[in-house]
């Protein structure tokens, strides 16, 4: 159950980051690429953690 909770928390965080990144880019703050790069890095890290947990059999 704990692993399932961690899995869903990562999925939720991924969705939030995608929404935040999309809003920043469409908002045209002038720092679009900077924030998009940060969001992309966090998303990549989250995706890697998710993949690593699945590879360990934690699903």
PDB file of N, CA and C in Angstrom:
ATOM      1  N   UNK A   1       0.839  -1.199   0.000  1.00  0.00           N
ATOM      2  CA  UNK A   1       0.000   0.000   0.000  1.00  0.00           C
ATOM      3  C   UNK A   1       0.875   1.250   0.000  1.00  0.00           C
ATOM      4  N   UNK A   2       1.973   1.206   0.759  1.00  0.00           N
ATOM      5  CA  UNK A   2       2.873   2.349   0.824  1.00  0.00           C
ATOM      6  C   UNK A   2       3.492   2.634  -0.542  1.00  0.00           C
ATOM      7  N   UNK A   3       3.872   1.565  -1.251  1.00  0.00           N
ATOM      8  CA  UNK A   3       4.448   1.735  -2.581  1.00  0.00           C
ATOM      9  C   UNK A   3       3.420   2.314  -3.537  1.00  0.00           C
ATOM     10  N   UNK A   4       2.176   1.872  -3.410  1.00  0.00           N
ATOM     11  CA  UNK A   4       1.107   2.393  -4.260  1.00  0.00           C
ATOM     12  C   UNK A   4       0.904   3.881  -4.014  1.00  0.00           C
ATOM     13  N   UNK A   5       0.974   4.282  -2.748  1.00  0.00           N
ATOM     14  CA  UNK A   5       0.836   5.701  -2.403  1.00  0.00           C
ATOM     15  C   UNK A   5       1.963   6.519  -3.016  1.00  0.00           C
ATOM     16  N   UNK A   6       3.194   6.003  -2.928  1.00  0.00           N
ATOM     17  CA  UNK A   6       4.336   6.702  -3.519  1.00  0.00           C
ATOM     18  C   UNK A   6       4.174   6.821  -5.028  1.00  0.00           C
ATOM     19  N   UNK A   7       3.665   5.770  -5.649  1.00  0.00           N
ATOM     20  CA  UNK A   7       3.447   5.783  -7.089  1.00  0.00           C
ATOM     21  C   UNK A   7       2.460   6.872  -7.476  1.00  0.00           C
ATOM     22  N   UNK A   8       1.331   6.933  -6.759  1.00  0.00           N
ATOM     23  CA  UNK A   8       0.318   7.940  -7.082  1.00  0.00           C
ATOM     24  C   UNK A   8       0.802   9.338  -6.775  1.00  0.00           C
ATOM     25  N   UNK A   9       1.582   9.514  -5.718  1.00  0.00           N
ATOM     26  CA  UNK A   9       2.096  10.847  -5.395  1.00  0.00           C
ATOM     27  C   UNK A   9       3.026  11.338  -6.501  1.00  0.00           C
ATOM     28  N   UNK A  10       3.786  10.443  -7.088  1.00  0.00           N
ATOM     29  CA  UNK A  10       4.671  10.823  -8.192  1.00  0.00           C
ATOM     30  C   UNK A  10       3.870  11.166  -9.438  1.00  0.00           C
ATOM     31  N   UNK A  11       2.825  10.391  -9.696  1.00  0.00           N
ATOM     32  CA  UNK A  11       1.978  10.669 -10.859  1.00  0.00           C
ATOM     33  C   UNK A  11       1.309  12.028 -10.709  1.00  0.00           C
ATOM     34  N   UNK A  12       0.795  12.312  -9.512  1.00  0.00           N
ATOM     35  CA  UNK A  12       0.151  13.599  -9.252  1.00  0.00           C
ATOM     36  C   UNK A  12       1.155  14.735  -9.415  1.00  0.00           C
ATOM     37  N   UNK A  13       2.358  14.546  -8.895  1.00  0.00           N
ATOM     38  CA  UNK A  13       3.390  15.573  -9.019  1.00  0.00           C
ATOM     39  C   UNK A  13       3.730  15.813 -10.488  1.00  0.00           C
ATOM     40  N   UNK A  14       3.785  14.743 -11.270  1.00  0.00           N
ATOM     41  CA  UNK A  14       4.064  14.863 -12.695  1.00  0.00           C
ATOM     42  C   UNK A  14       2.987  15.683 -13.394  1.00  0.00           C
ATOM     43  N   UNK A  15       1.722  15.396 -13.087  1.00  0.00           N
ATOM     44  CA  UNK A  15       0.611  16.132 -13.695  1.00  0.00           C
ATOM     45  C   UNK A  15       0.661  17.601 -13.303  1.00  0.00           C
ATOM     46  N   UNK A  16       0.946  17.872 -12.028  1.00  0.00           N
ATOM     47  CA  UNK A  16       1.034  19.260 -11.558  1.00  0.00           C
ATOM     48  C   UNK A  16       2.160  19.997 -12.270  1.00  0.00           C
ATOM     49  N   UNK A  17       3.312  19.343 -12.418  1.00  0.00           N
ATOM     50  CA  UNK A  17       4.439  19.974 -13.101  1.00  0.00           C
ATOM     51  C   UNK A  17       4.119  20.251 -14.564  1.00  0.00           C
ATOM     52  N   UNK A  18       3.442  19.313 -15.211  1.00  0.00           N
ATOM     53  CA  UNK A  18       3.054  19.524 -16.606  1.00  0.00           C
ATOM     54  C   UNK A  18       2.097  20.700 -16.733  1.00  0.00           C
ATOM     55  N   UNK A  19       1.120  20.768 -15.830  1.00  0.00           N
ATOM     56  CA  UNK A  19       0.159  21.871 -15.861  1.00  0.00           C
ATOM     57  C   UNK A  19       0.849  23.204 -15.591  1.00  0.00           C
ATOM     58  N   UNK A  20       1.731  23.220 -14.601  1.00  0.00           N
ATOM     59  CA  UNK A  20       2.457  24.442 -14.260  1.00  0.00           C
ATOM     60  C   UNK A  20       3.358  24.879 -15.412  1.00  0.00           C
ATOM     61  N   UNK A  21       4.059  23.932 -16.005  1.00  0.00           N
ATOM     62  CA  UNK A  21       4.922  24.247 -17.137  1.00  0.00           C
ATOM     63  C   UNK A  21       4.126  24.783 -18.320  1.00  0.00           C
ATOM     64  N   UNK A  22       2.996  24.153 -18.613  1.00  0.00           N
ATOM     65  CA  UNK A  22       2.144  24.617 -19.706  1.00  0.00           C
ATOM     66  C   UNK A  22       1.601  26.010 -19.452  1.00  0.00           C
ATOM     67  N   UNK A  23       1.225  26.284 -18.212  1.00  0.00           N
ATOM     68  CA  UNK A  23       0.703  27.610 -17.858  1.00  0.00           C
ATOM     69  C   UNK A  23       1.787  28.668 -17.995  1.00  0.00           C
ATOM     70  N   UNK A  24       2.988  28.361 -17.530  1.00  0.00           N
ATOM     71  CA  UNK A  24       4.087  29.326 -17.618  1.00  0.00           C
ATOM     72  C   UNK A  24       4.433  29.639 -19.069  1.00  0.00           C
ATOM     73  N   UNK A  25       4.461  28.615 -19.902  1.00  0.00           N
ATOM     74  CA  UNK A  25       4.801  28.816 -21.308  1.00  0.00           C
ATOM     75  C   UNK A  25       3.718  29.633 -22.008  1.00  0.00           C
ATOM     76  N   UNK A  26       2.450  29.318 -21.741  1.00  0.00           N
ATOM     77  CA  UNK A  26       1.362  30.034 -22.399  1.00  0.00           C
ATOM     78  C   UNK A  26       1.171  31.431 -21.817  1.00  0.00           C
ATOM     79  N   UNK A  27       1.650  31.641 -20.603  1.00  0.00           N
ATOM     80  CA  UNK A  27       1.490  32.928 -19.945  1.00  0.00           C
ATOM     81  C   UNK A  27       2.460  33.966 -20.497  1.00  0.00           C
ATOM     82  N   UNK A  28       3.576  33.518 -21.059  1.00  0.00           N
ATOM     83  CA  UNK A  28       4.536  34.439 -21.656  1.00  0.00           C
ATOM     84  C   UNK A  28       5.181  35.347 -20.625  1.00  0.00           C
ATOM     85  N   UNK A  29       5.791  34.761 -19.607  1.00  0.00           N
ATOM     86  CA  UNK A  29       6.379  35.549 -18.526  1.00  0.00           C
ATOM     87  C   UNK A  29       7.725  36.143 -18.910  1.00  0.00           C
ATOM     88  N   UNK A  30       8.305  35.675 -20.008  1.00  0.00           N
ATOM     89  CA  UNK A  30       9.642  36.113 -20.377  1.00  0.00           C
ATOM     90  C   UNK A  30      10.696  35.130 -19.883  1.00  0.00           C
ATOM     91  N   UNK A  31      10.310  34.254 -18.981  1.00  0.00           N
ATOM     92  CA  UNK A  31      11.216  33.219 -18.471  1.00  0.00           C
ATOM     93  C   UNK A  31      10.691  31.842 -18.880  1.00  0.00           C
ATOM     94  N   UNK A  32       9.983  31.822 -20.008  1.00  0.00           N
ATOM     95  CA  UNK A  32       9.330  30.596 -20.460  1.00  0.00           C
ATOM     96  C   UNK A  32      10.310  29.431 -20.554  1.00  0.00           C
ATOM     97  N   UNK A  33      11.409  29.668 -21.257  1.00  0.00           N
ATOM     98  CA  UNK A  33      12.346  28.577 -21.499  1.00  0.00           C
ATOM     99  C   UNK A  33      13.046  28.145 -20.219  1.00  0.00           C
ATOM    100  N   UNK A  34      13.302  29.103 -19.341  1.00  0.00           N
ATOM    101  CA  UNK A  34      13.943  28.790 -18.064  1.00  0.00           C
ATOM    102  C   UNK A  34      13.057  27.871 -17.228  1.00  0.00           C
ATOM    103  N   UNK A  35      11.791  28.260 -17.064  1.00  0.00           N
ATOM    104  CA  UNK A  35      10.869  27.438 -16.281  1.00  0.00           C
ATOM    105  C   UNK A  35      10.558  26.122 -16.984  1.00  0.00           C
ATOM    106  N   UNK A  36      10.447  26.166 -18.302  1.00  0.00           N
ATOM    107  CA  UNK A  36      10.181  24.936 -19.043  1.00  0.00           C
ATOM    108  C   UNK A  36      11.331  23.945 -18.873  1.00  0.00           C
ATOM    109  N   UNK A  37      12.568  24.454 -18.846  1.00  0.00           N
ATOM    110  CA  UNK A  37      13.725  23.585 -18.652  1.00  0.00           C
ATOM    111  C   UNK A  37      13.714  22.966 -17.259  1.00  0.00           C
ATOM    112  N   UNK A  38      13.351  23.768 -16.253  1.00  0.00           N
ATOM    113  CA  UNK A  38      13.263  23.248 -14.884  1.00  0.00           C
ATOM    114  C   UNK A  38      12.183  22.176 -14.797  1.00  0.00           C
ATOM    115  N   UNK A  39      11.015  22.477 -15.369  1.00  0.00           N
ATOM    116  CA  UNK A  39       9.917  21.511 -15.350  1.00  0.00           C
ATOM    117  C   UNK A  39      10.309  20.232 -16.081  1.00  0.00           C
ATOM    118  N   UNK A  40      10.975  20.376 -17.218  1.00  0.00           N
ATOM    119  CA  UNK A  40      11.394  19.207 -17.984  1.00  0.00           C
ATOM    120  C   UNK A  40      12.375  18.352 -17.186  1.00  0.00           C
ATOM    121  N   UNK A  41      13.287  19.009 -16.469  1.00  0.00           N
ATOM    122  CA  UNK A  41      14.257  18.280 -15.656  1.00  0.00           C
ATOM    123  C   UNK A  41      13.564  17.533 -14.520  1.00  0.00           C
ATOM    124  N   UNK A  42      12.607  18.202 -13.859  1.00  0.00           N
ATOM    125  CA  UNK A  42      11.878  17.560 -12.768  1.00  0.00           C
ATOM    126  C   UNK A  42      11.027  16.409 -13.282  1.00  0.00           C
ATOM    127  N   UNK A  43      10.404  16.606 -14.438  1.00  0.00           N
ATOM    128  CA  UNK A  43       9.590  15.545 -15.028  1.00  0.00           C
ATOM    129  C   UNK A  43      10.461  14.349 -15.401  1.00  0.00           C
ATOM    130  N   UNK A  44      11.632  14.622 -15.976  1.00  0.00           N
ATOM    131  CA  UNK A  44      12.541  13.540 -16.345  1.00  0.00           C
ATOM    132  C   UNK A  44      13.006  12.777 -15.107  1.00  0.00           C
ATOM    133  N   UNK A  45      13.307  13.510 -14.043  1.00  0.00           N
ATOM    134  CA  UNK A  45      13.741  12.882 -12.800  1.00  0.00           C
ATOM    135  C   UNK A  45      12.627  12.024 -12.212  1.00  0.00           C
ATOM    136  N   UNK A  46      11.406  12.563 -12.202  1.00  0.00           N
ATOM    137  CA  UNK A  46      10.260  11.821 -11.685  1.00  0.00           C
ATOM    138  C   UNK A  46      10.012  10.569 -12.515  1.00  0.00           C
ATOM    139  N   UNK A  47      10.099  10.720 -13.832  1.00  0.00           N
ATOM    140  CA  UNK A  47       9.905   9.577 -14.715  1.00  0.00           C
ATOM    141  C   UNK A  47      10.954   8.501 -14.480  1.00  0.00           C
ATOM    142  N   UNK A  48      12.191   8.925 -14.258  1.00  0.00           N
ATOM    143  CA  UNK A  48      13.262   7.968 -13.991  1.00  0.00           C
ATOM    144  C   UNK A  48      13.026   7.241 -12.671  1.00  0.00           C
ATOM    145  N   UNK A  49      12.605   7.983 -11.645  1.00  0.00           N
ATOM    146  CA  UNK A  49      12.320   7.367 -10.349  1.00  0.00           C
ATOM    147  C   UNK A  49      11.188   6.358 -10.482  1.00  0.00           C
ATOM    148  N   UNK A  50      10.173   6.720 -11.256  1.00  0.00           N
ATOM    149  CA  UNK A  50       9.038   5.835 -11.487  1.00  0.00           C
ATOM    150  C   UNK A  50       9.504   4.563 -12.192  1.00  0.00           C
ATOM    151  N   UNK A  51      10.336   4.729 -13.225  1.00  0.00           N
ATOM    152  CA  UNK A  51      10.854   3.597 -13.976  1.00  0.00           C
ATOM    153  C   UNK A  51      11.719   2.716 -13.085  1.00  0.00           C
ATOM    154  N   UNK A  52      12.556   3.341 -12.258  1.00  0.00           N
ATOM    155  CA  UNK A  52      13.440   2.587 -11.375  1.00  0.00           C
ATOM    156  C   UNK A  52      12.638   1.773 -10.362  1.00  0.00           C
ATOM    157  N   UNK A  53      11.566   2.356  -9.830  1.00  0.00           N
ATOM    158  CA  UNK A  53      10.752   1.641  -8.848  1.00  0.00           C
ATOM    159  C   UNK A  53      10.041   0.458  -9.497  1.00  0.00           C
ATOM    160  N   UNK A  54       9.626   0.620 -10.750  1.00  0.00           N
ATOM    161  CA  UNK A  54       8.982  -0.479 -11.468  1.00  0.00           C
ATOM    162  C   UNK A  54      10.001  -1.577 -11.761  1.00  0.00           C
ATOM    163  N   UNK A  55      11.226  -1.197 -12.121  1.00  0.00           N
ATOM    164  CA  UNK A  55      12.276  -2.173 -12.404  1.00  0.00           C
ATOM    165  C   UNK A  55      12.616  -2.999 -11.165  1.00  0.00           C
ATOM    166  N   UNK A  56      12.491  -2.390  -9.991  1.00  0.00           N
ATOM    167  CA  UNK A  56      12.759  -3.111  -8.735  1.00  0.00           C
ATOM    168  C   UNK A  56      11.597  -4.030  -8.362  1.00  0.00           C
ATOM    169  N   UNK A  57      10.517  -3.951  -9.120  1.00  0.00           N
ATOM    170  CA  UNK A  57       9.364  -4.791  -8.819  1.00  0.00           C
ATOM    171  C   UNK A  57       8.427  -4.150  -7.818  1.00  0.00           C
ATOM    172  N   UNK A  58       8.545  -2.841  -7.629  1.00  0.00           N
ATOM    173  CA  UNK A  58       7.689  -2.162  -6.662  1.00  0.00           C
ATOM    174  C   UNK A  58       6.428  -1.639  -7.296  1.00  0.00           C
ATOM    175  N   UNK A  59       5.544  -2.553  -7.734  1.00  0.00           N
ATOM    176  CA  UNK A  59       4.282  -2.121  -8.344  1.00  0.00           C
ATOM    177  C   UNK A  59       3.138  -2.968  -7.866  1.00  0.00           C
TER     178      UNK A  59
END
